[in-house]
Amino acid sequence: MNQKKIAGEKACGWVKDGMVVGLGTGSTVYYTIEKLGEMVRDGLNITGIATSEETAIQAKKLGIPLKSLNDVKQIDVTIDGADEVNKDFQGIKGGGGALLREKMVAAASLMNIWVVEEKKLVEELGEFSLPIEVIPFGWKQIKWSLEKEAIETELRKNDSGKVYQTNNGNYILDIKNQILTNPVEWQEKLAGIPGIVEHGLFLNYVDIVICGKANGEAIVIKK
């Protein structure tokens, strides 16, 4: 069974006619957007707010009407993926490089739903690298600053070996080999470093986690 498809499509049940819907980025929410496209073709009236250029392209192909985040005061529900989520509803996001826009859209939303496959549910965060979006100017200063605290980072590159750039023109440093026992402490640490635009810790954002399981079920975990 395709756990991503199971979770992604299940989340569409929270989308109602007339809603403003945040559209996340990634391989699981891809299926949400595909399903929403079908629902729009069948008469559903929604307005989408895309969290990345990739998502915007997909939504436009499917006929989902889009607006900019600047055009709406609030979002009814945002459906997005996550790279890790623990039992306290804390998560890591940004594997797809859209963490800044994802967090801005999440912050403007009345409800946030994450769609994940079973392996994304973890006891402690950190097995998945924690991304931080940094401005290109002086990015090595940030890397060196973290190295002083024995925090290993790696500059993200694309498949062709060039430095990966976000939709905002920034770089991403991925923090490696750190178990984030105290995510709040990490959030405070990263917030105090100049040049870090945003980090991939999403604490106190998600309201519902929908997990697709190998047996074909989609379990709904509410905060």
C-alpha atoms as a PDB file:
ATOM      1  CA  MET A   1       0.000   0.000   0.000  1.00  0.00           C
ATOM      2  CA  ASN A   2       1.148   3.538  -0.739  1.00  0.00           C
ATOM      3  CA  GLN A   3       1.224   5.054   2.747  1.00  0.00           C
ATOM      4  CA  LYS A   4       1.811   8.555   1.388  1.00  0.00           C
ATOM      5  CA  LYS A   5      -1.230   8.383  -0.884  1.00  0.00           C
ATOM      6  CA  ILE A   6      -3.416   7.000   1.912  1.00  0.00           C
ATOM      7  CA  ALA A   7      -2.499   9.831   4.290  1.00  0.00           C
ATOM      8  CA  GLY A   8      -2.504  12.548   1.659  1.00  0.00           C
ATOM      9  CA  GLU A   9      -5.966  11.762   0.341  1.00  0.00           C
ATOM     10  CA  LYS A  10      -7.468  11.292   3.809  1.00  0.00           C
ATOM     11  CA  ALA A  11      -6.648  14.903   4.708  1.00  0.00           C
ATOM     12  CA  CYS A  12      -8.920  16.179   1.949  1.00  0.00           C
ATOM     13  CA  GLY A  13     -11.875  15.320   4.197  1.00  0.00           C
ATOM     14  CA  TRP A  14     -11.175  18.476   6.204  1.00  0.00           C
ATOM     15  CA  VAL A  15     -11.438  20.742   3.165  1.00  0.00           C
ATOM     16  CA  LYS A  16     -14.854  22.347   2.680  1.00  0.00           C
ATOM     17  CA  ASP A  17     -16.387  24.543   0.008  1.00  0.00           C
ATOM     18  CA  GLY A  18     -15.286  28.185   0.155  1.00  0.00           C
ATOM     19  CA  MET A  19     -12.136  27.547   2.206  1.00  0.00           C
ATOM     20  CA  VAL A  20      -8.729  29.121   1.804  1.00  0.00           C
ATOM     21  CA  VAL A  21      -6.350  26.151   1.854  1.00  0.00           C
ATOM     22  CA  GLY A  22      -2.606  26.157   2.441  1.00  0.00           C
ATOM     23  CA  LEU A  23      -0.936  23.713   0.074  1.00  0.00           C
ATOM     24  CA  GLY A  24       2.248  22.188   1.453  1.00  0.00           C
ATOM     25  CA  THR A  25       5.298  20.860  -0.330  1.00  0.00           C
ATOM     26  CA  GLY A  26       6.626  17.324  -0.603  1.00  0.00           C
ATOM     27  CA  SER A  27       6.031  13.787  -1.745  1.00  0.00           C
ATOM     28  CA  THR A  28       3.120  13.024   0.615  1.00  0.00           C
ATOM     29  CA  VAL A  29       1.115  16.236   0.260  1.00  0.00           C
ATOM     30  CA  TYR A  30       1.548  15.753  -3.491  1.00  0.00           C
ATOM     31  CA  TYR A  31      -1.291  13.233  -3.241  1.00  0.00           C
ATOM     32  CA  THR A  32      -3.417  15.708  -1.269  1.00  0.00           C
ATOM     33  CA  ILE A  33      -3.052  18.264  -4.035  1.00  0.00           C
ATOM     34  CA  GLU A  34      -3.842  15.682  -6.721  1.00  0.00           C
ATOM     35  CA  LYS A  35      -7.036  14.727  -4.863  1.00  0.00           C
ATOM     36  CA  LEU A  36      -7.995  18.357  -4.346  1.00  0.00           C
ATOM     37  CA  GLY A  37      -7.586  18.872  -8.076  1.00  0.00           C
ATOM     38  CA  GLU A  38     -10.154  16.111  -8.664  1.00  0.00           C
ATOM     39  CA  MET A  39     -12.501  17.706  -6.134  1.00  0.00           C
ATOM     40  CA  VAL A  40     -12.169  21.103  -7.817  1.00  0.00           C
ATOM     41  CA  ARG A  41     -13.019  19.534 -11.162  1.00  0.00           C
ATOM     42  CA  ASP A  42     -16.112  18.066  -9.489  1.00  0.00           C
ATOM     43  CA  GLY A  43     -17.225  21.511  -8.288  1.00  0.00           C
ATOM     44  CA  LEU A  44     -15.347  22.240  -5.035  1.00  0.00           C
ATOM     45  CA  ASN A  45     -14.673  25.965  -4.645  1.00  0.00           C
ATOM     46  CA  ILE A  46     -11.420  26.678  -2.803  1.00  0.00           C
ATOM     47  CA  THR A  47      -8.526  29.104  -2.948  1.00  0.00           C
ATOM     48  CA  GLY A  48      -5.033  27.651  -2.557  1.00  0.00           C
ATOM     49  CA  ILE A  49      -1.970  29.262  -1.009  1.00  0.00           C
ATOM     50  CA  ALA A  50       1.122  27.464  -2.298  1.00  0.00           C
ATOM     51  CA  THR A  51       4.180  27.030  -0.077  1.00  0.00           C
ATOM     52  CA  SER A  52       6.611  26.632  -2.982  1.00  0.00           C
ATOM     53  CA  GLU A  53       6.966  27.210  -6.691  1.00  0.00           C
ATOM     54  CA  GLU A  54       6.849  23.441  -7.200  1.00  0.00           C
ATOM     55  CA  THR A  55       3.476  23.237  -5.462  1.00  0.00           C
ATOM     56  CA  ALA A  56       2.172  26.238  -7.393  1.00  0.00           C
ATOM     57  CA  ILE A  57       3.022  24.551 -10.690  1.00  0.00           C
ATOM     58  CA  GLN A  58       1.231  21.352  -9.663  1.00  0.00           C
ATOM     59  CA  ALA A  59      -1.855  23.229  -8.414  1.00  0.00           C
ATOM     60  CA  LYS A  60      -2.125  25.351 -11.562  1.00  0.00           C
ATOM     61  CA  LYS A  61      -1.956  22.256 -13.784  1.00  0.00           C
ATOM     62  CA  LEU A  62      -4.841  20.788 -11.792  1.00  0.00           C
ATOM     63  CA  GLY A  63      -6.952  23.933 -12.046  1.00  0.00           C
ATOM     64  CA  ILE A  64      -6.786  24.866  -8.367  1.00  0.00           C
ATOM     65  CA  PRO A  65      -7.191  28.661  -8.050  1.00  0.00           C
ATOM     66  CA  LEU A  66      -4.248  30.271  -6.235  1.00  0.00           C
ATOM     67  CA  LYS A  67      -3.610  33.491  -4.381  1.00  0.00           C
ATOM     68  CA  SER A  68      -0.531  34.953  -2.738  1.00  0.00           C
ATOM     69  CA  LEU A  69      -0.183  34.872   1.040  1.00  0.00           C
ATOM     70  CA  ASN A  70      -0.285  38.677   0.810  1.00  0.00           C
ATOM     71  CA  ASP A  71      -3.827  38.467  -0.575  1.00  0.00           C
ATOM     72  CA  VAL A  72      -5.439  36.717   2.409  1.00  0.00           C
ATOM     73  CA  LYS A  73      -5.652  37.634   6.088  1.00  0.00           C
ATOM     74  CA  GLN A  74      -5.976  34.054   7.267  1.00  0.00           C
ATOM     75  CA  ILE A  75      -6.038  30.491   5.989  1.00  0.00           C
ATOM     76  CA  ASP A  76      -8.739  28.034   7.036  1.00  0.00           C
ATOM     77  CA  VAL A  77      -6.609  24.889   6.885  1.00  0.00           C
ATOM     78  CA  THR A  78      -3.124  24.021   5.710  1.00  0.00           C
ATOM     79  CA  ILE A  79      -2.184  20.482   4.744  1.00  0.00           C
ATOM     80  CA  ASP A  80       1.532  19.735   4.641  1.00  0.00           C
ATOM     81  CA  GLY A  81       3.995  16.923   5.146  1.00  0.00           C
ATOM     82  CA  ALA A  82       6.638  16.491   7.837  1.00  0.00           C
ATOM     83  CA  ASP A  83      10.024  14.819   7.983  1.00  0.00           C
ATOM     84  CA  GLU A  84       9.607  13.830  11.633  1.00  0.00           C
ATOM     85  CA  VAL A  85       6.914  14.292  14.282  1.00  0.00           C
ATOM     86  CA  ASN A  86       6.990  13.190  17.923  1.00  0.00           C
ATOM     87  CA  LYS A  87       4.238  12.433  20.422  1.00  0.00           C
ATOM     88  CA  ASP A  88       4.271  16.063  21.627  1.00  0.00           C
ATOM     89  CA  PHE A  89       3.306  17.253  18.130  1.00  0.00           C
ATOM     90  CA  GLN A  90       6.719  18.785  17.572  1.00  0.00           C
ATOM     91  CA  GLY A  91       8.229  18.270  14.168  1.00  0.00           C
ATOM     92  CA  ILE A  92      11.046  18.778  11.706  1.00  0.00           C
ATOM     93  CA  LYS A  93      10.189  20.068   8.248  1.00  0.00           C
ATOM     94  CA  GLY A  94      12.196  21.426   5.351  1.00  0.00           C
ATOM     95  CA  GLY A  95      13.554  18.359   3.623  1.00  0.00           C
ATOM     96  CA  GLY A  96      12.041  19.776   0.453  1.00  0.00           C
ATOM     97  CA  GLY A  97      13.609  23.170   1.050  1.00  0.00           C
ATOM     98  CA  ALA A  98      10.371  25.122   1.580  1.00  0.00           C
ATOM     99  CA  LEU A  99      10.591  25.594   5.352  1.00  0.00           C
ATOM    100  CA  LEU A 100      10.355  29.400   5.409  1.00  0.00           C
ATOM    101  CA  ARG A 101       7.237  29.644   3.266  1.00  0.00           C
ATOM    102  CA  GLU A 102       5.757  26.573   4.964  1.00  0.00           C
ATOM    103  CA  LYS A 103       6.155  28.162   8.384  1.00  0.00           C
ATOM    104  CA  MET A 104       4.684  31.496   7.246  1.00  0.00           C
ATOM    105  CA  VAL A 105       1.653  29.724   5.788  1.00  0.00           C
ATOM    106  CA  ALA A 106       1.296  27.548   8.898  1.00  0.00           C
ATOM    107  CA  ALA A 107       1.392  30.608  11.157  1.00  0.00           C
ATOM    108  CA  ALA A 108      -1.465  32.197   9.178  1.00  0.00           C
ATOM    109  CA  SER A 109      -3.641  29.066   9.415  1.00  0.00           C
ATOM    110  CA  LEU A 110      -6.532  28.330  11.762  1.00  0.00           C
ATOM    111  CA  MET A 111      -5.740  24.602  11.500  1.00  0.00           C
ATOM    112  CA  ASN A 112      -2.647  22.690  10.421  1.00  0.00           C
ATOM    113  CA  ILE A 113      -2.768  19.067   9.299  1.00  0.00           C
ATOM    114  CA  TRP A 114       0.370  17.024   8.641  1.00  0.00           C
ATOM    115  CA  VAL A 115       0.248  13.953   6.418  1.00  0.00           C
ATOM    116  CA  VAL A 116       2.990  11.387   6.983  1.00  0.00           C
ATOM    117  CA  GLU A 117       3.917   7.771   6.492  1.00  0.00           C
ATOM    118  CA  GLU A 118       4.417   5.546   9.523  1.00  0.00           C
ATOM    119  CA  LYS A 119       8.208   5.881   9.709  1.00  0.00           C
ATOM    120  CA  LYS A 120       7.924   9.650  10.257  1.00  0.00           C
ATOM    121  CA  LEU A 121       6.505   9.105  13.772  1.00  0.00           C
ATOM    122  CA  VAL A 122       9.471   9.202  16.153  1.00  0.00           C
ATOM    123  CA  GLU A 123      10.235   9.241  19.865  1.00  0.00           C
ATOM    124  CA  GLU A 124      12.842  12.005  19.599  1.00  0.00           C
ATOM    125  CA  LEU A 125      13.604  14.451  16.818  1.00  0.00           C
ATOM    126  CA  GLY A 126      16.938  14.586  15.052  1.00  0.00           C
ATOM    127  CA  GLU A 127      17.571  11.416  13.109  1.00  0.00           C
ATOM    128  CA  PHE A 128      16.432  13.447  10.109  1.00  0.00           C
ATOM    129  CA  SER A 129      18.808  16.364   9.591  1.00  0.00           C
ATOM    130  CA  LEU A 130      17.489  19.709  10.829  1.00  0.00           C
ATOM    131  CA  PRO A 131      17.562  22.292   8.017  1.00  0.00           C
ATOM    132  CA  ILE A 132      18.291  25.965   8.596  1.00  0.00           C
ATOM    133  CA  GLU A 133      17.751  28.511   5.843  1.00  0.00           C
ATOM    134  CA  VAL A 134      20.575  31.068   5.774  1.00  0.00           C
ATOM    135  CA  ILE A 135      21.348  34.095   3.645  1.00  0.00           C
ATOM    136  CA  PRO A 136      24.256  33.506   1.225  1.00  0.00           C
ATOM    137  CA  PHE A 137      26.169  36.512   2.595  1.00  0.00           C
ATOM    138  CA  GLY A 138      28.405  35.168   5.350  1.00  0.00           C
ATOM    139  CA  TRP A 139      26.865  31.702   5.504  1.00  0.00           C
ATOM    140  CA  LYS A 140      30.209  30.241   6.517  1.00  0.00           C
ATOM    141  CA  GLN A 141      30.159  32.405   9.638  1.00  0.00           C
ATOM    142  CA  ILE A 142      27.013  30.561  10.689  1.00  0.00           C
ATOM    143  CA  LYS A 143      28.610  27.208   9.924  1.00  0.00           C
ATOM    144  CA  TRP A 144      31.735  28.102  11.922  1.00  0.00           C
ATOM    145  CA  SER A 145      29.660  29.450  14.803  1.00  0.00           C
ATOM    146  CA  LEU A 146      27.826  26.134  15.107  1.00  0.00           C
ATOM    147  CA  GLU A 147      31.041  24.138  14.747  1.00  0.00           C
ATOM    148  CA  LYS A 148      32.385  25.894  17.857  1.00  0.00           C
ATOM    149  CA  GLU A 149      29.571  24.125  19.727  1.00  0.00           C
ATOM    150  CA  ALA A 150      30.383  20.780  18.068  1.00  0.00           C
ATOM    151  CA  ILE A 151      27.329  21.061  15.808  1.00  0.00           C
ATOM    152  CA  GLU A 152      28.054  19.553  12.401  1.00  0.00           C
ATOM    153  CA  THR A 153      26.405  21.119   9.350  1.00  0.00           C
ATOM    154  CA  GLU A 154      26.440  20.414   5.641  1.00  0.00           C
ATOM    155  CA  LEU A 155      25.694  22.903   2.873  1.00  0.00           C
ATOM    156  CA  ARG A 156      22.841  21.467   0.832  1.00  0.00           C
ATOM    157  CA  LYS A 157      23.521  20.897  -2.865  1.00  0.00           C
ATOM    158  CA  ASN A 158      21.256  19.903  -5.724  1.00  0.00           C
ATOM    159  CA  ASP A 159      21.514  16.778  -7.859  1.00  0.00           C
ATOM    160  CA  SER A 160      24.005  18.431 -10.212  1.00  0.00           C
ATOM    161  CA  GLY A 161      26.351  19.271  -7.339  1.00  0.00           C
ATOM    162  CA  LYS A 162      25.636  22.998  -7.278  1.00  0.00           C
ATOM    163  CA  VAL A 163      24.643  24.834  -4.110  1.00  0.00           C
ATOM    164  CA  TYR A 164      20.909  24.412  -3.548  1.00  0.00           C
ATOM    165  CA  GLN A 165      18.962  27.673  -3.414  1.00  0.00           C
ATOM    166  CA  THR A 166      15.497  28.031  -1.930  1.00  0.00           C
ATOM    167  CA  ASN A 167      12.646  29.821  -3.693  1.00  0.00           C
ATOM    168  CA  ASN A 168      13.751  32.830  -1.639  1.00  0.00           C
ATOM    169  CA  GLY A 169      17.312  32.747  -3.014  1.00  0.00           C
ATOM    170  CA  ASN A 170      18.836  31.497   0.231  1.00  0.00           C
ATOM    171  CA  TYR A 171      21.062  28.526   1.118  1.00  0.00           C
ATOM    172  CA  ILE A 172      20.292  25.637   3.455  1.00  0.00           C
ATOM    173  CA  LEU A 173      22.622  24.214   6.068  1.00  0.00           C
ATOM    174  CA  ASP A 174      21.543  20.791   7.306  1.00  0.00           C
ATOM    175  CA  ILE A 175      22.412  20.068  10.935  1.00  0.00           C
ATOM    176  CA  LYS A 176      23.670  16.490  11.149  1.00  0.00           C
ATOM    177  CA  ASN A 177      23.970  13.859  13.864  1.00  0.00           C
ATOM    178  CA  GLN A 178      22.083  15.656  16.621  1.00  0.00           C
ATOM    179  CA  ILE A 179      19.301  14.142  18.714  1.00  0.00           C
ATOM    180  CA  LEU A 180      17.116  17.100  19.686  1.00  0.00           C
ATOM    181  CA  THR A 181      16.127  16.062  23.199  1.00  0.00           C
ATOM    182  CA  ASN A 182      15.064  19.626  23.994  1.00  0.00           C
ATOM    183  CA  PRO A 183      13.646  21.158  20.794  1.00  0.00           C
ATOM    184  CA  VAL A 184      12.636  24.400  22.531  1.00  0.00           C
ATOM    185  CA  GLU A 185      16.228  24.978  23.614  1.00  0.00           C
ATOM    186  CA  TRP A 186      17.397  24.381  20.046  1.00  0.00           C
ATOM    187  CA  GLN A 187      14.807  26.801  18.725  1.00  0.00           C
ATOM    188  CA  GLU A 188      16.061  29.515  21.065  1.00  0.00           C
ATOM    189  CA  LYS A 189      19.685  28.822  20.162  1.00  0.00           C
ATOM    190  CA  LEU A 190      19.069  29.092  16.418  1.00  0.00           C
ATOM    191  CA  ALA A 191      16.889  32.200  16.781  1.00  0.00           C
ATOM    192  CA  GLY A 192      19.845  34.012  18.319  1.00  0.00           C
ATOM    193  CA  ILE A 193      22.253  33.510  15.404  1.00  0.00           C
ATOM    194  CA  PRO A 194      22.314  36.384  12.878  1.00  0.00           C
ATOM    195  CA  GLY A 195      21.878  35.282   9.272  1.00  0.00           C
ATOM    196  CA  ILE A 196      19.593  32.337   9.998  1.00  0.00           C
ATOM    197  CA  VAL A 197      16.377  33.269   8.210  1.00  0.00           C
ATOM    198  CA  GLU A 198      14.388  30.297   9.524  1.00  0.00           C
ATOM    199  CA  HIS A 199      14.857  26.789  10.903  1.00  0.00           C
ATOM    200  CA  GLY A 200      12.983  23.560  10.343  1.00  0.00           C
ATOM    201  CA  LEU A 201      11.728  23.069  13.892  1.00  0.00           C
ATOM    202  CA  PHE A 202       7.955  23.380  13.832  1.00  0.00           C
ATOM    203  CA  LEU A 203       6.878  23.527  17.466  1.00  0.00           C
ATOM    204  CA  ASN A 204       3.253  24.104  18.470  1.00  0.00           C
ATOM    205  CA  TYR A 205       1.975  24.367  14.909  1.00  0.00           C
ATOM    206  CA  VAL A 206       0.255  21.108  14.002  1.00  0.00           C
ATOM    207  CA  ASP A 207      -3.265  20.248  15.189  1.00  0.00           C
ATOM    208  CA  ILE A 208      -3.853  16.909  13.447  1.00  0.00           C
ATOM    209  CA  VAL A 209      -1.410  14.276  12.193  1.00  0.00           C
ATOM    210  CA  ILE A 210      -2.693  11.788   9.628  1.00  0.00           C
ATOM    211  CA  CYS A 211      -0.473   8.735   9.315  1.00  0.00           C
ATOM    212  CA  GLY A 212      -0.736   6.281   6.455  1.00  0.00           C
ATOM    213  CA  LYS A 213       0.021   2.730   7.564  1.00  0.00           C
ATOM    214  CA  ALA A 214       1.329  -0.259   5.649  1.00  0.00           C
ATOM    215  CA  ASN A 215      -1.951  -2.138   6.179  1.00  0.00           C
ATOM    216  CA  GLY A 216      -3.869   0.506   4.232  1.00  0.00           C
ATOM    217  CA  GLU A 217      -5.290   2.378   7.202  1.00  0.00           C
ATOM    218  CA  ALA A 218      -4.965   6.102   7.796  1.00  0.00           C
ATOM    219  CA  ILE A 219      -4.892   6.891  11.495  1.00  0.00           C
ATOM    220  CA  VAL A 220      -5.870  10.363  12.702  1.00  0.00           C
ATOM    221  CA  ILE A 221      -3.973  11.694  15.719  1.00  0.00           C
ATOM    222  CA  LYS A 222      -5.431  14.855  17.256  1.00  0.00           C
ATOM    223  CA  LYS A 223      -3.609  17.188  19.605  1.00  0.00           C
END
